[in-house]
C-alpha cells in the first residue's frame, strides 16, 4: 500500500460516522481541479506512511472511531487494497471507499466480498467531456464509467455519486445531461470547487452559491434527492 496521508478524525468524510481518512498515492486520471495533486503528480517515496503504522493507529482507536474512509488518488489501483481492507474490517470498522469509477471489476469484487460498506464515486462530467475533464487526450474509461454507475445504481451497496463543479469545465446543459444519466440514483452530491492550493492546474474558479442553487434545481428534475455540498 502506498499511503501518503492520514487524517485521524473526520466528521464529514463518512456520512453519520466518526472516522479516519486514509489517502493513497497514485491515480490514472489527471483532473486539472484535483485538490490532492501531490498524491497524483508529485508522489515522493519519502512521504510514504508504513501500512503497519496506520493499522496500529486504527487498532488503538477501536471503540472510538466507527469508520475508515479510503481515498486518493485512486485507491483501487493499490494491489494490496483488499488485504488491507480485510485487516481494517477485522477490527470492526465500517469502510467507505472513494473511487473515480475506472476500475469496475475491482470495485465489484470488493463489494461482493463484503469489504466495502459505502462507495462514493466521482462523476466527473458528461461522457462527451470526460476526456477533457480528467486531463487525458483520449478517454479509454467511458465503458468502465458507465459500468460502474450502472452497478452502483443497482443498489448492491450503500453509495453516493458526486460531481465537483468548476466554472471552466461545467455548464448548465452539462449538469442537466448528468442528471438524466444518473436518474434514479439514491444519493447525488453537487460539490462546490475549492482551491486547496494543491491543484494540478492552478487558476480555476468556482461558481457562486446562487448559480450552484440553480444547478441543483436543474439536476433535481431527474434526481430529486440531489444535494449541494461544500457551498457557502
C-alpha atoms as a PDB file:
ATOM      1  CA  UNK A   1       0.000   0.000   0.000  1.00  0.00           C
ATOM      2  CA  UNK A   2       1.226   3.461  -0.932  1.00  0.00           C
ATOM      3  CA  UNK A   3      -0.263   5.516   1.891  1.00  0.00           C
ATOM      4  CA  UNK A   4       0.760   9.163   1.993  1.00  0.00           C
ATOM      5  CA  UNK A   5      -1.819  10.746   4.235  1.00  0.00           C
ATOM      6  CA  UNK A   6      -3.793  10.002   7.393  1.00  0.00           C
ATOM      7  CA  UNK A   7      -6.482  12.263   8.802  1.00  0.00           C
ATOM      8  CA  UNK A   8      -7.011  10.921  12.283  1.00  0.00           C
ATOM      9  CA  UNK A   9     -10.526  12.270  12.750  1.00  0.00           C
ATOM     10  CA  UNK A  10     -13.223  13.450  10.367  1.00  0.00           C
ATOM     11  CA  UNK A  11     -16.899  14.111  10.961  1.00  0.00           C
ATOM     12  CA  UNK A  12     -17.520  14.907   7.281  1.00  0.00           C
ATOM     13  CA  UNK A  13     -15.943  12.230   5.070  1.00  0.00           C
ATOM     14  CA  UNK A  14     -18.114   9.305   6.217  1.00  0.00           C
ATOM     15  CA  UNK A  15     -21.797  10.270   6.486  1.00  0.00           C
ATOM     16  CA  UNK A  16     -23.034   9.850  10.039  1.00  0.00           C
ATOM     17  CA  UNK A  17     -19.839   8.368  11.441  1.00  0.00           C
ATOM     18  CA  UNK A  18     -16.733   9.425  13.323  1.00  0.00           C
ATOM     19  CA  UNK A  19     -13.980   8.237  11.025  1.00  0.00           C
ATOM     20  CA  UNK A  20     -10.366   8.391   9.968  1.00  0.00           C
ATOM     21  CA  UNK A  21      -9.373   9.049   6.366  1.00  0.00           C
ATOM     22  CA  UNK A  22      -6.506   7.281   4.614  1.00  0.00           C
ATOM     23  CA  UNK A  23      -5.004   8.849   1.483  1.00  0.00           C
ATOM     24  CA  UNK A  24      -3.409   6.534  -1.074  1.00  0.00           C
ATOM     25  CA  UNK A  25      -0.926   7.745  -3.676  1.00  0.00           C
ATOM     26  CA  UNK A  26      -1.298   7.309  -7.421  1.00  0.00           C
ATOM     27  CA  UNK A  27      -4.111   7.919  -9.900  1.00  0.00           C
ATOM     28  CA  UNK A  28      -4.806   7.120 -13.545  1.00  0.00           C
ATOM     29  CA  UNK A  29      -6.653  10.438 -14.045  1.00  0.00           C
ATOM     30  CA  UNK A  30      -5.151  13.922 -14.214  1.00  0.00           C
ATOM     31  CA  UNK A  31      -8.155  16.090 -13.393  1.00  0.00           C
ATOM     32  CA  UNK A  32      -6.962  19.723 -13.549  1.00  0.00           C
ATOM     33  CA  UNK A  33      -9.049  20.623 -10.488  1.00  0.00           C
ATOM     34  CA  UNK A  34      -7.847  17.692  -8.361  1.00  0.00           C
ATOM     35  CA  UNK A  35      -7.269  19.061  -4.865  1.00  0.00           C
ATOM     36  CA  UNK A  36      -4.746  16.336  -3.996  1.00  0.00           C
ATOM     37  CA  UNK A  37      -2.199  16.917  -6.756  1.00  0.00           C
ATOM     38  CA  UNK A  38       0.659  15.817  -4.524  1.00  0.00           C
ATOM     39  CA  UNK A  39      -0.903  12.347  -4.466  1.00  0.00           C
ATOM     40  CA  UNK A  40      -1.149  12.248  -8.259  1.00  0.00           C
ATOM     41  CA  UNK A  41       1.685  14.083  -9.984  1.00  0.00           C
ATOM     42  CA  UNK A  42       4.288  14.625  -7.261  1.00  0.00           C
ATOM     43  CA  UNK A  43       4.490  11.287  -5.469  1.00  0.00           C
ATOM     44  CA  UNK A  44       7.617  11.014  -3.355  1.00  0.00           C
ATOM     45  CA  UNK A  45       8.735   7.821  -1.663  1.00  0.00           C
ATOM     46  CA  UNK A  46       9.838   9.697   1.446  1.00  0.00           C
ATOM     47  CA  UNK A  47       6.200  10.645   2.076  1.00  0.00           C
ATOM     48  CA  UNK A  48       5.091   7.016   2.421  1.00  0.00           C
ATOM     49  CA  UNK A  49       3.474   6.092   5.730  1.00  0.00           C
ATOM     50  CA  UNK A  50       4.123   2.442   6.693  1.00  0.00           C
ATOM     51  CA  UNK A  51       0.986   0.328   6.470  1.00  0.00           C
ATOM     52  CA  UNK A  52       1.645  -1.208   9.874  1.00  0.00           C
ATOM     53  CA  UNK A  53       1.773   2.270  11.405  1.00  0.00           C
ATOM     54  CA  UNK A  54      -1.682   3.055  10.033  1.00  0.00           C
ATOM     55  CA  UNK A  55      -3.108  -0.277  11.180  1.00  0.00           C
ATOM     56  CA  UNK A  56      -1.594   0.239  14.632  1.00  0.00           C
ATOM     57  CA  UNK A  57      -3.292   3.645  14.883  1.00  0.00           C
ATOM     58  CA  UNK A  58      -6.645   2.132  13.902  1.00  0.00           C
ATOM     59  CA  UNK A  59      -6.226  -0.681  16.400  1.00  0.00           C
ATOM     60  CA  UNK A  60      -5.694   1.873  19.182  1.00  0.00           C
ATOM     61  CA  UNK A  61      -8.814   3.805  18.137  1.00  0.00           C
ATOM     62  CA  UNK A  62     -11.171   0.823  18.209  1.00  0.00           C
ATOM     63  CA  UNK A  63     -14.316   1.746  20.097  1.00  0.00           C
ATOM     64  CA  UNK A  64     -13.721   5.449  19.484  1.00  0.00           C
ATOM     65  CA  UNK A  65     -13.833   5.669  15.707  1.00  0.00           C
ATOM     66  CA  UNK A  66     -16.609   3.962  13.764  1.00  0.00           C
ATOM     67  CA  UNK A  67     -15.421   4.105  10.187  1.00  0.00           C
ATOM     68  CA  UNK A  68     -12.445   4.364   7.868  1.00  0.00           C
ATOM     69  CA  UNK A  69     -12.502   6.297   4.596  1.00  0.00           C
ATOM     70  CA  UNK A  70     -10.045   5.222   1.918  1.00  0.00           C
ATOM     71  CA  UNK A  71      -9.439   7.866  -0.714  1.00  0.00           C
ATOM     72  CA  UNK A  72      -6.656   9.036  -3.007  1.00  0.00           C
ATOM     73  CA  UNK A  73      -5.502   9.261  -5.640  1.00  0.00           C
ATOM     74  CA  UNK A  74      -7.396   6.208  -6.816  1.00  0.00           C
ATOM     75  CA  UNK A  75      -7.390   3.519  -4.113  1.00  0.00           C
ATOM     76  CA  UNK A  76      -8.419   0.710  -6.462  1.00  0.00           C
ATOM     77  CA  UNK A  77      -5.015   0.937  -8.156  1.00  0.00           C
ATOM     78  CA  UNK A  78      -3.380  -0.356  -4.966  1.00  0.00           C
ATOM     79  CA  UNK A  79      -2.544  -4.069  -5.430  1.00  0.00           C
ATOM     80  CA  UNK A  80      -2.790  -4.804  -1.689  1.00  0.00           C
ATOM     81  CA  UNK A  81      -6.048  -2.946  -1.108  1.00  0.00           C
ATOM     82  CA  UNK A  82      -8.237  -6.000  -0.478  1.00  0.00           C
ATOM     83  CA  UNK A  83      -5.913  -7.457   2.164  1.00  0.00           C
ATOM     84  CA  UNK A  84      -5.560  -4.029   3.768  1.00  0.00           C
ATOM     85  CA  UNK A  85      -9.319  -3.556   3.977  1.00  0.00           C
ATOM     86  CA  UNK A  86      -9.815  -7.025   5.416  1.00  0.00           C
ATOM     87  CA  UNK A  87      -7.486  -6.148   8.276  1.00  0.00           C
ATOM     88  CA  UNK A  88      -9.481  -2.988   8.903  1.00  0.00           C
ATOM     89  CA  UNK A  89     -12.778  -4.869   8.797  1.00  0.00           C
ATOM     90  CA  UNK A  90     -11.475  -7.426  11.291  1.00  0.00           C
ATOM     91  CA  UNK A  91     -11.116  -4.565  13.765  1.00  0.00           C
ATOM     92  CA  UNK A  92     -14.841  -3.879  13.431  1.00  0.00           C
ATOM     93  CA  UNK A  93     -14.702  -0.746  11.302  1.00  0.00           C
ATOM     94  CA  UNK A  94     -17.103   0.246   8.550  1.00  0.00           C
ATOM     95  CA  UNK A  95     -15.223   1.084   5.338  1.00  0.00           C
ATOM     96  CA  UNK A  96     -16.032   3.830   2.845  1.00  0.00           C
ATOM     97  CA  UNK A  97     -14.233   3.753  -0.498  1.00  0.00           C
ATOM     98  CA  UNK A  98     -13.780   6.781  -2.767  1.00  0.00           C
ATOM     99  CA  UNK A  99     -13.260   5.946  -6.435  1.00  0.00           C
ATOM    100  CA  UNK A 100     -13.230   7.515  -9.882  1.00  0.00           C
ATOM    101  CA  UNK A 101     -15.116   4.520 -11.277  1.00  0.00           C
ATOM    102  CA  UNK A 102     -12.412   3.399 -13.677  1.00  0.00           C
ATOM    103  CA  UNK A 103     -11.730   0.018 -12.054  1.00  0.00           C
ATOM    104  CA  UNK A 104     -15.159  -1.590 -12.132  1.00  0.00           C
ATOM    105  CA  UNK A 105     -14.131  -5.228 -11.772  1.00  0.00           C
ATOM    106  CA  UNK A 106     -12.046  -4.465  -8.694  1.00  0.00           C
ATOM    107  CA  UNK A 107     -14.904  -2.450  -7.234  1.00  0.00           C
ATOM    108  CA  UNK A 108     -17.388  -5.270  -7.814  1.00  0.00           C
ATOM    109  CA  UNK A 109     -15.001  -7.804  -6.280  1.00  0.00           C
ATOM    110  CA  UNK A 110     -14.623  -5.767  -3.083  1.00  0.00           C
ATOM    111  CA  UNK A 111     -18.372  -5.261  -2.774  1.00  0.00           C
ATOM    112  CA  UNK A 112     -19.127  -8.948  -3.373  1.00  0.00           C
ATOM    113  CA  UNK A 113     -16.583  -9.900  -0.700  1.00  0.00           C
ATOM    114  CA  UNK A 114     -18.255  -7.532   1.782  1.00  0.00           C
ATOM    115  CA  UNK A 115     -15.071  -5.463   2.072  1.00  0.00           C
ATOM    116  CA  UNK A 116     -16.820  -2.148   1.459  1.00  0.00           C
ATOM    117  CA  UNK A 117     -19.813  -0.663   3.270  1.00  0.00           C
ATOM    118  CA  UNK A 118     -20.191   2.599   1.340  1.00  0.00           C
ATOM    119  CA  UNK A 119     -18.900   3.734  -2.052  1.00  0.00           C
ATOM    120  CA  UNK A 120     -18.503   7.353  -3.154  1.00  0.00           C
ATOM    121  CA  UNK A 121     -17.969   7.614  -6.908  1.00  0.00           C
ATOM    122  CA  UNK A 122     -16.930  10.788  -8.666  1.00  0.00           C
ATOM    123  CA  UNK A 123     -18.886  11.503 -11.836  1.00  0.00           C
ATOM    124  CA  UNK A 124     -16.565  13.996 -13.477  1.00  0.00           C
ATOM    125  CA  UNK A 125     -18.752  15.322 -16.288  1.00  0.00           C
ATOM    126  CA  UNK A 126     -20.908  14.350 -19.245  1.00  0.00           C
ATOM    127  CA  UNK A 127     -19.467  11.472 -21.250  1.00  0.00           C
ATOM    128  CA  UNK A 128     -18.589  13.682 -24.231  1.00  0.00           C
ATOM    129  CA  UNK A 129     -16.499  15.936 -21.942  1.00  0.00           C
ATOM    130  CA  UNK A 130     -14.963  13.232 -19.783  1.00  0.00           C
ATOM    131  CA  UNK A 131     -11.586  13.162 -21.519  1.00  0.00           C
ATOM    132  CA  UNK A 132     -11.089  16.902 -21.129  1.00  0.00           C
ATOM    133  CA  UNK A 133     -12.273  16.867 -17.536  1.00  0.00           C
ATOM    134  CA  UNK A 134      -9.958  14.059 -16.421  1.00  0.00           C
ATOM    135  CA  UNK A 135      -6.975  15.601 -18.176  1.00  0.00           C
ATOM    136  CA  UNK A 136      -6.369  12.871 -20.766  1.00  0.00           C
ATOM    137  CA  UNK A 137      -6.086  13.229 -24.537  1.00  0.00           C
ATOM    138  CA  UNK A 138      -8.064  10.068 -25.135  1.00  0.00           C
ATOM    139  CA  UNK A 139     -10.656   8.585 -22.845  1.00  0.00           C
ATOM    140  CA  UNK A 140     -10.365   4.830 -22.574  1.00  0.00           C
ATOM    141  CA  UNK A 141     -12.554   4.730 -19.492  1.00  0.00           C
ATOM    142  CA  UNK A 142     -16.053   5.516 -20.773  1.00  0.00           C
ATOM    143  CA  UNK A 143     -17.086   1.868 -20.733  1.00  0.00           C
ATOM    144  CA  UNK A 144     -15.781   1.439 -17.199  1.00  0.00           C
ATOM    145  CA  UNK A 145     -17.502   4.610 -16.006  1.00  0.00           C
ATOM    146  CA  UNK A 146     -20.829   3.531 -17.485  1.00  0.00           C
ATOM    147  CA  UNK A 147     -20.493   0.081 -15.935  1.00  0.00           C
ATOM    148  CA  UNK A 148     -19.600   1.453 -12.503  1.00  0.00           C
ATOM    149  CA  UNK A 149     -22.555   3.859 -12.479  1.00  0.00           C
ATOM    150  CA  UNK A 150     -24.928   1.104 -13.571  1.00  0.00           C
ATOM    151  CA  UNK A 151     -23.561  -1.285 -10.955  1.00  0.00           C
ATOM    152  CA  UNK A 152     -23.950   1.161  -8.089  1.00  0.00           C
ATOM    153  CA  UNK A 153     -27.429   2.198  -9.219  1.00  0.00           C
ATOM    154  CA  UNK A 154     -28.448  -1.457  -8.892  1.00  0.00           C
ATOM    155  CA  UNK A 155     -28.278  -0.801  -5.128  1.00  0.00           C
ATOM    156  CA  UNK A 156     -25.919  -3.630  -4.202  1.00  0.00           C
ATOM    157  CA  UNK A 157     -24.136  -1.423  -1.666  1.00  0.00           C
ATOM    158  CA  UNK A 158     -24.693   1.923   0.024  1.00  0.00           C
ATOM    159  CA  UNK A 159     -23.393   4.563  -2.379  1.00  0.00           C
ATOM    160  CA  UNK A 160     -23.292   8.155  -3.460  1.00  0.00           C
ATOM    161  CA  UNK A 161     -22.355   9.896  -6.686  1.00  0.00           C
ATOM    162  CA  UNK A 162     -20.741  13.303  -6.598  1.00  0.00           C
ATOM    163  CA  UNK A 163     -19.647  15.937  -9.100  1.00  0.00           C
ATOM    164  CA  UNK A 164     -17.328  18.817  -8.305  1.00  0.00           C
ATOM    165  CA  UNK A 165     -18.444  21.838 -10.327  1.00  0.00           C
ATOM    166  CA  UNK A 166     -15.751  24.031 -11.876  1.00  0.00           C
ATOM    167  CA  UNK A 167     -16.590  27.096 -13.937  1.00  0.00           C
ATOM    168  CA  UNK A 168     -14.108  26.189 -16.686  1.00  0.00           C
ATOM    169  CA  UNK A 169     -15.494  22.669 -17.143  1.00  0.00           C
ATOM    170  CA  UNK A 170     -19.186  22.549 -16.246  1.00  0.00           C
ATOM    171  CA  UNK A 171     -22.129  24.360 -17.829  1.00  0.00           C
ATOM    172  CA  UNK A 172     -25.852  24.217 -17.080  1.00  0.00           C
ATOM    173  CA  UNK A 173     -26.511  21.882 -20.015  1.00  0.00           C
ATOM    174  CA  UNK A 174     -23.763  19.525 -18.809  1.00  0.00           C
ATOM    175  CA  UNK A 175     -25.401  19.214 -15.428  1.00  0.00           C
ATOM    176  CA  UNK A 176     -28.768  18.523 -16.996  1.00  0.00           C
ATOM    177  CA  UNK A 177     -27.204  15.717 -19.043  1.00  0.00           C
ATOM    178  CA  UNK A 178     -25.585  14.280 -15.924  1.00  0.00           C
ATOM    179  CA  UNK A 179     -28.930  14.458 -14.143  1.00  0.00           C
ATOM    180  CA  UNK A 180     -30.562  12.471 -16.946  1.00  0.00           C
ATOM    181  CA  UNK A 181     -27.737   9.931 -16.792  1.00  0.00           C
ATOM    182  CA  UNK A 182     -27.992   9.474 -13.013  1.00  0.00           C
ATOM    183  CA  UNK A 183     -31.790   9.423 -12.931  1.00  0.00           C
ATOM    184  CA  UNK A 184     -32.924   7.053 -10.213  1.00  0.00           C
ATOM    185  CA  UNK A 185     -29.756   7.419  -8.132  1.00  0.00           C
ATOM    186  CA  UNK A 186     -30.383   7.315  -4.394  1.00  0.00           C
ATOM    187  CA  UNK A 187     -27.715   9.841  -3.454  1.00  0.00           C
ATOM    188  CA  UNK A 188     -26.014  12.557  -5.512  1.00  0.00           C
ATOM    189  CA  UNK A 189     -23.944  15.475  -4.258  1.00  0.00           C
ATOM    190  CA  UNK A 190     -23.083  18.529  -6.332  1.00  0.00           C
ATOM    191  CA  UNK A 191     -19.902  19.849  -4.786  1.00  0.00           C
ATOM    192  CA  UNK A 192     -18.504  23.336  -4.834  1.00  0.00           C
ATOM    193  CA  UNK A 193     -14.957  23.661  -6.124  1.00  0.00           C
ATOM    194  CA  UNK A 194     -12.439  24.848  -3.546  1.00  0.00           C
ATOM    195  CA  UNK A 195      -8.887  25.814  -4.448  1.00  0.00           C
ATOM    196  CA  UNK A 196      -6.850  23.733  -1.992  1.00  0.00           C
ATOM    197  CA  UNK A 197      -3.562  25.253  -3.133  1.00  0.00           C
ATOM    198  CA  UNK A 198      -2.517  21.762  -4.280  1.00  0.00           C
ATOM    199  CA  UNK A 199      -4.111  21.695  -7.736  1.00  0.00           C
ATOM    200  CA  UNK A 200      -2.798  20.103 -10.916  1.00  0.00           C
ATOM    201  CA  UNK A 201      -3.764  23.237 -12.858  1.00  0.00           C
ATOM    202  CA  UNK A 202      -3.952  26.500 -10.872  1.00  0.00           C
ATOM    203  CA  UNK A 203      -6.280  29.391 -11.582  1.00  0.00           C
ATOM    204  CA  UNK A 204      -9.595  27.503 -11.810  1.00  0.00           C
ATOM    205  CA  UNK A 205     -12.733  29.106 -10.442  1.00  0.00           C
ATOM    206  CA  UNK A 206     -15.900  28.060  -8.591  1.00  0.00           C
ATOM    207  CA  UNK A 207     -19.447  29.205  -9.228  1.00  0.00           C
ATOM    208  CA  UNK A 208     -21.141  31.304  -6.577  1.00  0.00           C
ATOM    209  CA  UNK A 209     -23.860  29.965  -4.290  1.00  0.00           C
ATOM    210  CA  UNK A 210     -26.691  31.388  -6.403  1.00  0.00           C
ATOM    211  CA  UNK A 211     -25.523  29.607  -9.546  1.00  0.00           C
ATOM    212  CA  UNK A 212     -24.933  26.368  -7.625  1.00  0.00           C
ATOM    213  CA  UNK A 213     -28.503  26.525  -6.323  1.00  0.00           C
ATOM    214  CA  UNK A 214     -29.752  26.957  -9.892  1.00  0.00           C
ATOM    215  CA  UNK A 215     -27.693  23.943 -10.958  1.00  0.00           C
ATOM    216  CA  UNK A 216     -29.204  21.925  -8.129  1.00  0.00           C
ATOM    217  CA  UNK A 217     -32.732  22.727  -9.262  1.00  0.00           C
ATOM    218  CA  UNK A 218     -31.894  21.602 -12.805  1.00  0.00           C
ATOM    219  CA  UNK A 219     -30.497  18.296 -11.556  1.00  0.00           C
ATOM    220  CA  UNK A 220     -33.414  17.712  -9.181  1.00  0.00           C
ATOM    221  CA  UNK A 221     -35.709  17.329 -12.169  1.00  0.00           C
ATOM    222  CA  UNK A 222     -34.060  13.915 -12.589  1.00  0.00           C
ATOM    223  CA  UNK A 223     -32.515  13.145  -9.177  1.00  0.00           C
ATOM    224  CA  UNK A 224     -34.974  14.623  -6.652  1.00  0.00           C
ATOM    225  CA  UNK A 225     -32.778  13.969  -3.614  1.00  0.00           C
ATOM    226  CA  UNK A 226     -29.670  15.643  -5.074  1.00  0.00           C
ATOM    227  CA  UNK A 227     -27.959  17.988  -2.608  1.00  0.00           C
ATOM    228  CA  UNK A 228     -25.250  20.622  -2.505  1.00  0.00           C
ATOM    229  CA  UNK A 229     -22.041  20.042  -0.578  1.00  0.00           C
ATOM    230  CA  UNK A 230     -19.237  22.453   0.235  1.00  0.00           C
ATOM    231  CA  UNK A 231     -21.147  25.520  -0.931  1.00  0.00           C
ATOM    232  CA  UNK A 232     -21.036  28.576   1.296  1.00  0.00           C
END
